[in-house]
Amino acid sequence: DYIDQINKTKAVIMPAFPIRDVPMYPGV
């Protein structure tokens, strides 16, 4: 639901990017 807003920003910042096999995407 936010994709249009996201694409108007400069980048997607992912602080504390957790490398987890839960899986990571989609999951974390």
mmCIF file of all heavy atoms, coordinates in Angstrom:
data_MODEL
# 
_entry.id   MODEL 
# 
loop_
_atom_site.group_PDB 
_atom_site.id 
_atom_site.type_symbol 
_atom_site.label_atom_id 
_atom_site.label_alt_id 
_atom_site.label_comp_id 
_atom_site.label_asym_id 
_atom_site.label_entity_id 
_atom_site.label_seq_id 
_atom_site.pdbx_PDB_ins_code 
_atom_site.Cartn_x 
_atom_site.Cartn_y 
_atom_site.Cartn_z 
_atom_site.occupancy 
_atom_site.B_iso_or_equiv 
_atom_site.pdbx_formal_charge 
_atom_site.auth_seq_id 
_atom_site.auth_comp_id 
_atom_site.auth_asym_id 
_atom_site.auth_atom_id 
_atom_site.pdbx_PDB_model_num 
ATOM 1   N N   . ASP A 1 1  ? 0.812  -1.219  0.000  1.00 0.00 ? 1  ASP A N   1 
ATOM 2   C CA  . ASP A 1 1  ? 0.000  0.000   0.000  1.00 0.00 ? 1  ASP A CA  1 
ATOM 3   C C   . ASP A 1 1  ? 0.843  1.266   0.000  1.00 0.00 ? 1  ASP A C   1 
ATOM 4   O O   . ASP A 1 1  ? 0.302  2.366   -0.205 1.00 0.00 ? 1  ASP A O   1 
ATOM 5   C CB  . ASP A 1 1  ? -0.924 0.009   1.219  1.00 0.00 ? 1  ASP A CB  1 
ATOM 6   C CG  . ASP A 1 1  ? -1.999 -1.071  1.148  1.00 0.00 ? 1  ASP A CG  1 
ATOM 7   O OD1 . ASP A 1 1  ? -2.248 -1.571  0.034  1.00 0.00 ? 1  ASP A OD1 1 
ATOM 8   O OD2 . ASP A 1 1  ? -2.571 -1.416  2.203  1.00 0.00 ? 1  ASP A OD2 1 
ATOM 9   N N   . TYR A 1 2  ? 2.144  1.129   0.238  1.00 0.00 ? 2  TYR A N   1 
ATOM 10  C CA  . TYR A 1 2  ? 3.025  2.300   0.322  1.00 0.00 ? 2  TYR A CA  1 
ATOM 11  C C   . TYR A 1 2  ? 3.971  2.417   -0.866 1.00 0.00 ? 2  TYR A C   1 
ATOM 12  O O   . TYR A 1 2  ? 4.850  3.280   -0.869 1.00 0.00 ? 2  TYR A O   1 
ATOM 13  C CB  . TYR A 1 2  ? 3.853  2.225   1.612  1.00 0.00 ? 2  TYR A CB  1 
ATOM 14  C CG  . TYR A 1 2  ? 3.039  2.210   2.870  1.00 0.00 ? 2  TYR A CG  1 
ATOM 15  C CD1 . TYR A 1 2  ? 2.681  1.002   3.479  1.00 0.00 ? 2  TYR A CD1 1 
ATOM 16  C CD2 . TYR A 1 2  ? 2.624  3.392   3.470  1.00 0.00 ? 2  TYR A CD2 1 
ATOM 17  C CE1 . TYR A 1 2  ? 1.931  0.975   4.646  1.00 0.00 ? 2  TYR A CE1 1 
ATOM 18  C CE2 . TYR A 1 2  ? 1.876  3.374   4.641  1.00 0.00 ? 2  TYR A CE2 1 
ATOM 19  C CZ  . TYR A 1 2  ? 1.537  2.163   5.221  1.00 0.00 ? 2  TYR A CZ  1 
ATOM 20  O OH  . TYR A 1 2  ? 0.793  2.151   6.372  1.00 0.00 ? 2  TYR A OH  1 
ATOM 21  N N   . ILE A 1 3  ? 3.822  1.551   -1.862 1.00 0.00 ? 3  ILE A N   1 
ATOM 22  C CA  . ILE A 1 3  ? 4.836  1.464   -2.910 1.00 0.00 ? 3  ILE A CA  1 
ATOM 23  C C   . ILE A 1 3  ? 5.030  2.774   -3.653 1.00 0.00 ? 3  ILE A C   1 
ATOM 24  O O   . ILE A 1 3  ? 6.165  3.150   -3.988 1.00 0.00 ? 3  ILE A O   1 
ATOM 25  C CB  . ILE A 1 3  ? 4.506  0.303   -3.892 1.00 0.00 ? 3  ILE A CB  1 
ATOM 26  C CG1 . ILE A 1 3  ? 5.720  -0.041  -4.745 1.00 0.00 ? 3  ILE A CG1 1 
ATOM 27  C CG2 . ILE A 1 3  ? 3.271  0.597   -4.707 1.00 0.00 ? 3  ILE A CG2 1 
ATOM 28  C CD1 . ILE A 1 3  ? 6.875  -0.605  -3.973 1.00 0.00 ? 3  ILE A CD1 1 
ATOM 29  N N   . ASP A 1 4  ? 3.979  3.506   -3.912 1.00 0.00 ? 4  ASP A N   1 
ATOM 30  C CA  . ASP A 1 4  ? 4.122  4.788   -4.622 1.00 0.00 ? 4  ASP A CA  1 
ATOM 31  C C   . ASP A 1 4  ? 4.892  5.795   -3.773 1.00 0.00 ? 4  ASP A C   1 
ATOM 32  O O   . ASP A 1 4  ? 5.755  6.522   -4.288 1.00 0.00 ? 4  ASP A O   1 
ATOM 33  C CB  . ASP A 1 4  ? 2.746  5.345   -4.994 1.00 0.00 ? 4  ASP A CB  1 
ATOM 34  C CG  . ASP A 1 4  ? 2.057  4.535   -6.076 1.00 0.00 ? 4  ASP A CG  1 
ATOM 35  O OD1 . ASP A 1 4  ? 2.771  3.810   -6.806 1.00 0.00 ? 4  ASP A OD1 1 
ATOM 36  O OD2 . ASP A 1 4  ? 0.824  4.603   -6.185 1.00 0.00 ? 4  ASP A OD2 1 
ATOM 37  N N   . GLN A 1 5  ? 4.603  5.823   -2.484 1.00 0.00 ? 5  GLN A N   1 
ATOM 38  C CA  . GLN A 1 5  ? 5.325  6.726   -1.584 1.00 0.00 ? 5  GLN A CA  1 
ATOM 39  C C   . GLN A 1 5  ? 6.794  6.328   -1.478 1.00 0.00 ? 5  GLN A C   1 
ATOM 40  O O   . GLN A 1 5  ? 7.685  7.190   -1.486 1.00 0.00 ? 5  GLN A O   1 
ATOM 41  C CB  . GLN A 1 5  ? 4.687  6.713   -0.193 1.00 0.00 ? 5  GLN A CB  1 
ATOM 42  C CG  . GLN A 1 5  ? 3.295  7.307   -0.122 1.00 0.00 ? 5  GLN A CG  1 
ATOM 43  C CD  . GLN A 1 5  ? 2.658  7.051   1.234  1.00 0.00 ? 5  GLN A CD  1 
ATOM 44  O OE1 . GLN A 1 5  ? 1.884  6.121   1.409  1.00 0.00 ? 5  GLN A OE1 1 
ATOM 45  N NE2 . GLN A 1 5  ? 3.002  7.883   2.202  1.00 0.00 ? 5  GLN A NE2 1 
ATOM 46  N N   . ILE A 1 6  ? 7.048  5.036   -1.368 1.00 0.00 ? 6  ILE A N   1 
ATOM 47  C CA  . ILE A 1 6  ? 8.429  4.553   -1.258 1.00 0.00 ? 6  ILE A CA  1 
ATOM 48  C C   . ILE A 1 6  ? 9.239  4.957   -2.485 1.00 0.00 ? 6  ILE A C   1 
ATOM 49  O O   . ILE A 1 6  ? 10.380 5.423   -2.377 1.00 0.00 ? 6  ILE A O   1 
ATOM 50  C CB  . ILE A 1 6  ? 8.442  3.024   -1.078 1.00 0.00 ? 6  ILE A CB  1 
ATOM 51  C CG1 . ILE A 1 6  ? 7.888  2.643   0.297  1.00 0.00 ? 6  ILE A CG1 1 
ATOM 52  C CG2 . ILE A 1 6  ? 9.853  2.465   -1.256 1.00 0.00 ? 6  ILE A CG2 1 
ATOM 53  C CD1 . ILE A 1 6  ? 7.637  1.166   0.487  1.00 0.00 ? 6  ILE A CD1 1 
ATOM 54  N N   . ASN A 1 7  ? 8.663  4.808   -3.654 1.00 0.00 ? 7  ASN A N   1 
ATOM 55  C CA  . ASN A 1 7  ? 9.391  5.094   -4.888 1.00 0.00 ? 7  ASN A CA  1 
ATOM 56  C C   . ASN A 1 7  ? 9.613  6.584   -5.114 1.00 0.00 ? 7  ASN A C   1 
ATOM 57  O O   . ASN A 1 7  ? 10.381 6.968   -6.008 1.00 0.00 ? 7  ASN A O   1 
ATOM 58  C CB  . ASN A 1 7  ? 8.665  4.470   -6.080 1.00 0.00 ? 7  ASN A CB  1 
ATOM 59  C CG  . ASN A 1 7  ? 8.825  2.958   -6.120 1.00 0.00 ? 7  ASN A CG  1 
ATOM 60  O OD1 . ASN A 1 7  ? 9.806  2.414   -5.618 1.00 0.00 ? 7  ASN A OD1 1 
ATOM 61  N ND2 . ASN A 1 7  ? 7.856  2.270   -6.696 1.00 0.00 ? 7  ASN A ND2 1 
ATOM 62  N N   . LYS A 1 8  ? 8.982  7.420   -4.314 1.00 0.00 ? 8  LYS A N   1 
ATOM 63  C CA  . LYS A 1 8  ? 9.244  8.858   -4.382 1.00 0.00 ? 8  LYS A CA  1 
ATOM 64  C C   . LYS A 1 8  ? 10.375 9.275   -3.441 1.00 0.00 ? 8  LYS A C   1 
ATOM 65  O O   . LYS A 1 8  ? 10.817 10.439  -3.474 1.00 0.00 ? 8  LYS A O   1 
ATOM 66  C CB  . LYS A 1 8  ? 7.969  9.634   -4.044 1.00 0.00 ? 8  LYS A CB  1 
ATOM 67  C CG  . LYS A 1 8  ? 6.881  9.527   -5.110 1.00 0.00 ? 8  LYS A CG  1 
ATOM 68  C CD  . LYS A 1 8  ? 5.617  10.278  -4.698 1.00 0.00 ? 8  LYS A CD  1 
ATOM 69  C CE  . LYS A 1 8  ? 4.520  10.118  -5.746 1.00 0.00 ? 8  LYS A CE  1 
ATOM 70  N NZ  . LYS A 1 8  ? 3.263  10.785  -5.327 1.00 0.00 ? 8  LYS A NZ  1 
ATOM 71  N N   . THR A 1 9  ? 10.836 8.331   -2.591 1.00 0.00 ? 9  THR A N   1 
ATOM 72  C CA  . THR A 1 9  ? 11.964 8.633   -1.705 1.00 0.00 ? 9  THR A CA  1 
ATOM 73  C C   . THR A 1 9  ? 13.272 8.262   -2.403 1.00 0.00 ? 9  THR A C   1 
ATOM 74  O O   . THR A 1 9  ? 13.278 7.620   -3.445 1.00 0.00 ? 9  THR A O   1 
ATOM 75  C CB  . THR A 1 9  ? 11.840 7.870   -0.376 1.00 0.00 ? 9  THR A CB  1 
ATOM 76  O OG1 . THR A 1 9  ? 11.913 6.450   -0.622 1.00 0.00 ? 9  THR A OG1 1 
ATOM 77  C CG2 . THR A 1 9  ? 10.507 8.183   0.300  1.00 0.00 ? 9  THR A CG2 1 
ATOM 78  N N   . LYS A 1 10 ? 14.392 8.654   -1.807 1.00 0.00 ? 10 LYS A N   1 
ATOM 79  C CA  . LYS A 1 10 ? 15.697 8.423   -2.432 1.00 0.00 ? 10 LYS A CA  1 
ATOM 80  C C   . LYS A 1 10 ? 16.163 6.971   -2.319 1.00 0.00 ? 10 LYS A C   1 
ATOM 81  O O   . LYS A 1 10 ? 16.884 6.476   -3.194 1.00 0.00 ? 10 LYS A O   1 
ATOM 82  C CB  . LYS A 1 10 ? 16.748 9.340   -1.809 1.00 0.00 ? 10 LYS A CB  1 
ATOM 83  C CG  . LYS A 1 10 ? 16.534 10.819  -2.103 1.00 0.00 ? 10 LYS A CG  1 
ATOM 84  C CD  . LYS A 1 10 ? 17.682 11.639  -1.551 1.00 0.00 ? 10 LYS A CD  1 
ATOM 85  C CE  . LYS A 1 10 ? 17.556 13.111  -1.964 1.00 0.00 ? 10 LYS A CE  1 
ATOM 86  N NZ  . LYS A 1 10 ? 18.709 13.915  -1.493 1.00 0.00 ? 10 LYS A NZ  1 
ATOM 87  N N   . ALA A 1 11 ? 15.802 6.330   -1.250 1.00 0.00 ? 11 ALA A N   1 
ATOM 88  C CA  . ALA A 1 11 ? 16.246 4.955   -1.009 1.00 0.00 ? 11 ALA A CA  1 
ATOM 89  C C   . ALA A 1 11 ? 15.467 4.385   0.156  1.00 0.00 ? 11 ALA A C   1 
ATOM 90  O O   . ALA A 1 11 ? 14.834 5.124   0.928  1.00 0.00 ? 11 ALA A O   1 
ATOM 91  C CB  . ALA A 1 11 ? 17.746 4.907   -0.711 1.00 0.00 ? 11 ALA A CB  1 
ATOM 92  N N   . VAL A 1 12 ? 15.525 3.054   0.290  1.00 0.00 ? 12 VAL A N   1 
ATOM 93  C CA  . VAL A 1 12 ? 14.960 2.364   1.447  1.00 0.00 ? 12 VAL A CA  1 
ATOM 94  C C   . VAL A 1 12 ? 16.110 2.032   2.387  1.00 0.00 ? 12 VAL A C   1 
ATOM 95  O O   . VAL A 1 12 ? 16.963 1.195   2.069  1.00 0.00 ? 12 VAL A O   1 
ATOM 96  C CB  . VAL A 1 12 ? 14.211 1.085   1.033  1.00 0.00 ? 12 VAL A CB  1 
ATOM 97  C CG1 . VAL A 1 12 ? 13.708 0.349   2.283  1.00 0.00 ? 12 VAL A CG1 1 
ATOM 98  C CG2 . VAL A 1 12 ? 13.051 1.409   0.098  1.00 0.00 ? 12 VAL A CG2 1 
ATOM 99  N N   . ILE A 1 13 ? 16.161 2.706   3.531  1.00 0.00 ? 13 ILE A N   1 
ATOM 100 C CA  . ILE A 1 13 ? 17.214 2.492   4.516  1.00 0.00 ? 13 ILE A CA  1 
ATOM 101 C C   . ILE A 1 13 ? 16.762 1.380   5.458  1.00 0.00 ? 13 ILE A C   1 
ATOM 102 O O   . ILE A 1 13 ? 15.655 1.409   5.994  1.00 0.00 ? 13 ILE A O   1 
ATOM 103 C CB  . ILE A 1 13 ? 17.506 3.778   5.309  1.00 0.00 ? 13 ILE A CB  1 
ATOM 104 C CG1 . ILE A 1 13 ? 17.821 4.931   4.353  1.00 0.00 ? 13 ILE A CG1 1 
ATOM 105 C CG2 . ILE A 1 13 ? 18.632 3.549   6.304  1.00 0.00 ? 13 ILE A CG2 1 
ATOM 106 C CD1 . ILE A 1 13 ? 19.068 4.730   3.517  1.00 0.00 ? 13 ILE A CD1 1 
ATOM 107 N N   . MET A 1 14 ? 17.648 0.391   5.657  1.00 0.00 ? 14 MET A N   1 
ATOM 108 C CA  . MET A 1 14 ? 17.316 -0.795  6.454  1.00 0.00 ? 14 MET A CA  1 
ATOM 109 C C   . MET A 1 14 ? 18.256 -0.898  7.649  1.00 0.00 ? 14 MET A C   1 
ATOM 110 O O   . MET A 1 14 ? 19.212 -1.671  7.652  1.00 0.00 ? 14 MET A O   1 
ATOM 111 C CB  . MET A 1 14 ? 17.391 -2.043  5.572  1.00 0.00 ? 14 MET A CB  1 
ATOM 112 C CG  . MET A 1 14 ? 16.562 -1.899  4.291  1.00 0.00 ? 14 MET A CG  1 
ATOM 113 S SD  . MET A 1 14 ? 16.909 -3.149  3.035  1.00 0.00 ? 14 MET A SD  1 
ATOM 114 C CE  . MET A 1 14 ? 15.739 -4.428  3.525  1.00 0.00 ? 14 MET A CE  1 
ATOM 115 N N   . PRO A 1 15 ? 18.026 -0.101  8.695  1.00 0.00 ? 15 PRO A N   1 
ATOM 116 C CA  . PRO A 1 15 ? 18.896 -0.161  9.875  1.00 0.00 ? 15 PRO A CA  1 
ATOM 117 C C   . PRO A 1 15 ? 18.717 -1.476  10.624 1.00 0.00 ? 15 PRO A C   1 
ATOM 118 O O   . PRO A 1 15 ? 17.647 -2.083  10.603 1.00 0.00 ? 15 PRO A O   1 
ATOM 119 C CB  . PRO A 1 15 ? 18.413 1.027   10.720 1.00 0.00 ? 15 PRO A CB  1 
ATOM 120 C CG  . PRO A 1 15 ? 17.023 1.294   10.273 1.00 0.00 ? 15 PRO A CG  1 
ATOM 121 C CD  . PRO A 1 15 ? 16.962 0.905   8.834  1.00 0.00 ? 15 PRO A CD  1 
ATOM 122 N N   . ALA A 1 16 ? 19.798 -1.918  11.266 1.00 0.00 ? 16 ALA A N   1 
ATOM 123 C CA  . ALA A 1 16 ? 19.800 -3.200  11.991 1.00 0.00 ? 16 ALA A CA  1 
ATOM 124 C C   . ALA A 1 16 ? 19.387 -4.328  11.078 1.00 0.00 ? 16 ALA A C   1 
ATOM 125 O O   . ALA A 1 16 ? 18.632 -5.217  11.469 1.00 0.00 ? 16 ALA A O   1 
ATOM 126 C CB  . ALA A 1 16 ? 18.889 -3.131  13.218 1.00 0.00 ? 16 ALA A CB  1 
ATOM 127 N N   . PHE A 1 17 ? 19.900 -4.337  9.860  1.00 0.00 ? 17 PHE A N   1 
ATOM 128 C CA  . PHE A 1 17 ? 19.580 -5.324  8.830  1.00 0.00 ? 17 PHE A CA  1 
ATOM 129 C C   . PHE A 1 17 ? 19.923 -6.714  9.349  1.00 0.00 ? 17 PHE A C   1 
ATOM 130 O O   . PHE A 1 17 ? 21.087 -7.101  9.399  1.00 0.00 ? 17 PHE A O   1 
ATOM 131 C CB  . PHE A 1 17 ? 20.404 -4.989  7.585  1.00 0.00 ? 17 PHE A CB  1 
ATOM 132 C CG  . PHE A 1 17 ? 20.137 -5.829  6.374  1.00 0.00 ? 17 PHE A CG  1 
ATOM 133 C CD1 . PHE A 1 17 ? 18.974 -5.688  5.645  1.00 0.00 ? 17 PHE A CD1 1 
ATOM 134 C CD2 . PHE A 1 17 ? 21.091 -6.744  5.936  1.00 0.00 ? 17 PHE A CD2 1 
ATOM 135 C CE1 . PHE A 1 17 ? 18.752 -6.446  4.508  1.00 0.00 ? 17 PHE A CE1 1 
ATOM 136 C CE2 . PHE A 1 17 ? 20.876 -7.501  4.791  1.00 0.00 ? 17 PHE A CE2 1 
ATOM 137 C CZ  . PHE A 1 17 ? 19.695 -7.347  4.085  1.00 0.00 ? 17 PHE A CZ  1 
ATOM 138 N N   . PRO A 1 18 ? 18.919 -7.502  9.770  1.00 0.00 ? 18 PRO A N   1 
ATOM 139 C CA  . PRO A 1 18 ? 19.199 -8.762  10.469 1.00 0.00 ? 18 PRO A CA  1 
ATOM 140 C C   . PRO A 1 18 ? 19.278 -9.932  9.503  1.00 0.00 ? 18 PRO A C   1 
ATOM 141 O O   . PRO A 1 18 ? 18.313 -10.278 8.839  1.00 0.00 ? 18 PRO A O   1 
ATOM 142 C CB  . PRO A 1 18 ? 18.003 -8.909  11.413 1.00 0.00 ? 18 PRO A CB  1 
ATOM 143 C CG  . PRO A 1 18 ? 16.886 -8.217  10.691 1.00 0.00 ? 18 PRO A CG  1 
ATOM 144 C CD  . PRO A 1 18 ? 17.482 -7.195  9.756  1.00 0.00 ? 18 PRO A CD  1 
ATOM 145 N N   . ILE A 1 19 ? 20.425 -10.562 9.443  1.00 0.00 ? 19 ILE A N   1 
ATOM 146 C CA  . ILE A 1 19 ? 20.626 -11.710 8.560  1.00 0.00 ? 19 ILE A CA  1 
ATOM 147 C C   . ILE A 1 19 ? 20.138 -12.947 9.305  1.00 0.00 ? 19 ILE A C   1 
ATOM 148 O O   . ILE A 1 19 ? 20.807 -13.475 10.183 1.00 0.00 ? 19 ILE A O   1 
ATOM 149 C CB  . ILE A 1 19 ? 22.112 -11.829 8.163  1.00 0.00 ? 19 ILE A CB  1 
ATOM 150 C CG1 . ILE A 1 19 ? 22.577 -10.528 7.514  1.00 0.00 ? 19 ILE A CG1 1 
ATOM 151 C CG2 . ILE A 1 19 ? 22.322 -13.009 7.227  1.00 0.00 ? 19 ILE A CG2 1 
ATOM 152 C CD1 . ILE A 1 19 ? 24.074 -10.431 7.352  1.00 0.00 ? 19 ILE A CD1 1 
ATOM 153 N N   . ARG A 1 20 ? 18.932 -13.372 8.968  1.00 0.00 ? 20 ARG A N   1 
ATOM 154 C CA  . ARG A 1 20 ? 18.272 -14.482 9.648  1.00 0.00 ? 20 ARG A CA  1 
ATOM 155 C C   . ARG A 1 20 ? 17.633 -15.396 8.606  1.00 0.00 ? 20 ARG A C   1 
ATOM 156 O O   . ARG A 1 20 ? 17.020 -14.937 7.660  1.00 0.00 ? 20 ARG A O   1 
ATOM 157 C CB  . ARG A 1 20 ? 17.157 -13.985 10.576 1.00 0.00 ? 20 ARG A CB  1 
ATOM 158 C CG  . ARG A 1 20 ? 17.566 -12.886 11.541 1.00 0.00 ? 20 ARG A CG  1 
ATOM 159 C CD  . ARG A 1 20 ? 18.270 -13.425 12.769 1.00 0.00 ? 20 ARG A CD  1 
ATOM 160 N NE  . ARG A 1 20 ? 18.392 -12.378 13.764 1.00 0.00 ? 20 ARG A NE  1 
ATOM 161 C CZ  . ARG A 1 20 ? 19.380 -11.491 13.789 1.00 0.00 ? 20 ARG A CZ  1 
ATOM 162 N NH1 . ARG A 1 20 ? 20.324 -11.518 12.867 1.00 0.00 ? 20 ARG A NH1 1 
ATOM 163 N NH2 . ARG A 1 20 ? 19.429 -10.571 14.734 1.00 0.00 ? 20 ARG A NH2 1 
ATOM 164 N N   . ASP A 1 21 ? 17.706 -16.675 8.840  1.00 0.00 ? 21 ASP A N   1 
ATOM 165 C CA  . ASP A 1 21 ? 17.100 -17.644 7.927  1.00 0.00 ? 21 ASP A CA  1 
ATOM 166 C C   . ASP A 1 21 ? 15.720 -18.035 8.437  1.00 0.00 ? 21 ASP A C   1 
ATOM 167 O O   . ASP A 1 21 ? 15.491 -19.147 8.859  1.00 0.00 ? 21 ASP A O   1 
ATOM 168 C CB  . ASP A 1 21 ? 17.993 -18.879 7.827  1.00 0.00 ? 21 ASP A CB  1 
ATOM 169 C CG  . ASP A 1 21 ? 18.368 -19.195 6.385  1.00 0.00 ? 21 ASP A CG  1 
ATOM 170 O OD1 . ASP A 1 21 ? 17.733 -18.640 5.480  1.00 0.00 ? 21 ASP A OD1 1 
ATOM 171 O OD2 . ASP A 1 21 ? 19.291 -19.986 6.181  1.00 0.00 ? 21 ASP A OD2 1 
ATOM 172 N N   . VAL A 1 22 ? 14.756 -17.103 8.366  1.00 0.00 ? 22 VAL A N   1 
ATOM 173 C CA  . VAL A 1 22 ? 13.444 -17.425 8.932  1.00 0.00 ? 22 VAL A CA  1 
ATOM 174 C C   . VAL A 1 22 ? 12.296 -17.600 7.935  1.00 0.00 ? 22 VAL A C   1 
ATOM 175 O O   . VAL A 1 22 ? 11.207 -17.988 8.399  1.00 0.00 ? 22 VAL A O   1 
ATOM 176 C CB  . VAL A 1 22 ? 13.050 -16.364 9.977  1.00 0.00 ? 22 VAL A CB  1 
ATOM 177 C CG1 . VAL A 1 22 ? 13.922 -16.443 11.182 1.00 0.00 ? 22 VAL A CG1 1 
ATOM 178 C CG2 . VAL A 1 22 ? 13.044 -14.969 9.409  1.00 0.00 ? 22 VAL A CG2 1 
ATOM 179 N N   . PRO A 1 23 ? 12.322 -17.373 6.648  1.00 0.00 ? 23 PRO A N   1 
ATOM 180 C CA  . PRO A 1 23 ? 13.446 -16.860 5.861  1.00 0.00 ? 23 PRO A CA  1 
ATOM 181 C C   . PRO A 1 23 ? 13.582 -15.344 6.005  1.00 0.00 ? 23 PRO A C   1 
ATOM 182 O O   . PRO A 1 23 ? 12.749 -14.703 6.641  1.00 0.00 ? 23 PRO A O   1 
ATOM 183 C CB  . PRO A 1 23 ? 13.048 -17.232 4.433  1.00 0.00 ? 23 PRO A CB  1 
ATOM 184 C CG  . PRO A 1 23 ? 11.557 -17.132 4.456  1.00 0.00 ? 23 PRO A CG  1 
ATOM 185 C CD  . PRO A 1 23 ? 11.135 -17.622 5.821  1.00 0.00 ? 23 PRO A CD  1 
ATOM 186 N N   . MET A 1 24 ? 14.597 -14.803 5.361  1.00 0.00 ? 24 MET A N   1 
ATOM 187 C CA  . MET A 1 24 ? 14.821 -13.372 5.463  1.00 0.00 ? 24 MET A CA  1 
ATOM 188 C C   . MET A 1 24 ? 13.783 -12.576 4.673  1.00 0.00 ? 24 MET A C   1 
ATOM 189 O O   . MET A 1 24 ? 13.267 -11.562 5.144  1.00 0.00 ? 24 MET A O   1 
ATOM 190 C CB  . MET A 1 24 ? 16.235 -13.057 4.973  1.00 0.00 ? 24 MET A CB  1 
ATOM 191 C CG  . MET A 1 24 ? 16.732 -11.735 5.494  1.00 0.00 ? 24 MET A CG  1 
ATOM 192 S SD  . MET A 1 24 ? 18.497 -11.574 5.290  1.00 0.00 ? 24 MET A SD  1 
ATOM 193 C CE  . MET A 1 24 ? 18.660 -9.873  5.838  1.00 0.00 ? 24 MET A CE  1 
ATOM 194 N N   . TYR A 1 25 ? 13.493 -13.060 3.465  1.00 0.00 ? 25 TYR A N   1 
ATOM 195 C CA  . TYR A 1 25 ? 12.434 -12.460 2.652  1.00 0.00 ? 25 TYR A CA  1 
ATOM 196 C C   . TYR A 1 25 ? 11.634 -13.560 1.982  1.00 0.00 ? 25 TYR A C   1 
ATOM 197 O O   . TYR A 1 25 ? 12.211 -14.442 1.340  1.00 0.00 ? 25 TYR A O   1 
ATOM 198 C CB  . TYR A 1 25 ? 13.017 -11.528 1.584  1.00 0.00 ? 25 TYR A CB  1 
ATOM 199 C CG  . TYR A 1 25 ? 12.014 -11.203 0.488  1.00 0.00 ? 25 TYR A CG  1 
ATOM 200 C CD1 . TYR A 1 25 ? 10.993 -10.280 0.721  1.00 0.00 ? 25 TYR A CD1 1 
ATOM 201 C CD2 . TYR A 1 25 ? 12.072 -11.838 -0.757 1.00 0.00 ? 25 TYR A CD2 1 
ATOM 202 C CE1 . TYR A 1 25 ? 10.063 -9.999  -0.273 1.00 0.00 ? 25 TYR A CE1 1 
ATOM 203 C CE2 . TYR A 1 25 ? 11.149 -11.564 -1.743 1.00 0.00 ? 25 TYR A CE2 1 
ATOM 204 C CZ  . TYR A 1 25 ? 10.143 -10.642 -1.496 1.00 0.00 ? 25 TYR A CZ  1 
ATOM 205 O OH  . TYR A 1 25 ? 9.215  -10.361 -2.479 1.00 0.00 ? 25 TYR A OH  1 
ATOM 206 N N   . PRO A 1 26 ? 10.306 -13.539 2.120  1.00 0.00 ? 26 PRO A N   1 
ATOM 207 C CA  . PRO A 1 26 ? 9.559  -12.699 3.066  1.00 0.00 ? 26 PRO A CA  1 
ATOM 208 C C   . PRO A 1 26 ? 9.597  -13.344 4.445  1.00 0.00 ? 26 PRO A C   1 
ATOM 209 O O   . PRO A 1 26 ? 9.451  -14.554 4.565  1.00 0.00 ? 26 PRO A O   1 
ATOM 210 C CB  . PRO A 1 26 ? 8.148  -12.698 2.496  1.00 0.00 ? 26 PRO A CB  1 
ATOM 211 C CG  . PRO A 1 26 ? 8.040  -14.026 1.812  1.00 0.00 ? 26 PRO A CG  1 
ATOM 212 C CD  . PRO A 1 26 ? 9.422  -14.352 1.281  1.00 0.00 ? 26 PRO A CD  1 
ATOM 213 N N   . GLY A 1 27 ? 9.824  -12.571 5.451  1.00 0.00 ? 27 GLY A N   1 
ATOM 214 C CA  . GLY A 1 27 ? 9.943  -13.078 6.801  1.00 0.00 ? 27 GLY A CA  1 
ATOM 215 C C   . GLY A 1 27 ? 10.385 -11.943 7.690  1.00 0.00 ? 27 GLY A C   1 
ATOM 216 O O   . GLY A 1 27 ? 9.569  -11.196 8.229  1.00 0.00 ? 27 GLY A O   1 
ATOM 217 N N   . VAL A 1 28 ? 11.718 -11.796 7.843  1.00 0.00 ? 28 VAL A N   1 
ATOM 218 C CA  . VAL A 1 28 ? 12.233 -10.627 8.539  1.00 0.00 ? 28 VAL A CA  1 
ATOM 219 C C   . VAL A 1 28 ? 11.753 -9.364  7.823  1.00 0.00 ? 28 VAL A C   1 
ATOM 220 O O   . VAL A 1 28 ? 11.347 -8.385  8.455  1.00 0.00 ? 28 VAL A O   1 
ATOM 221 C CB  . VAL A 1 28 ? 13.770 -10.663 8.594  1.00 0.00 ? 28 VAL A CB  1 
ATOM 222 C CG1 . VAL A 1 28 ? 14.317 -9.388  9.215  1.00 0.00 ? 28 VAL A CG1 1 
ATOM 223 C CG2 . VAL A 1 28 ? 14.241 -11.877 9.381  1.00 0.00 ? 28 VAL A CG2 1 
# 
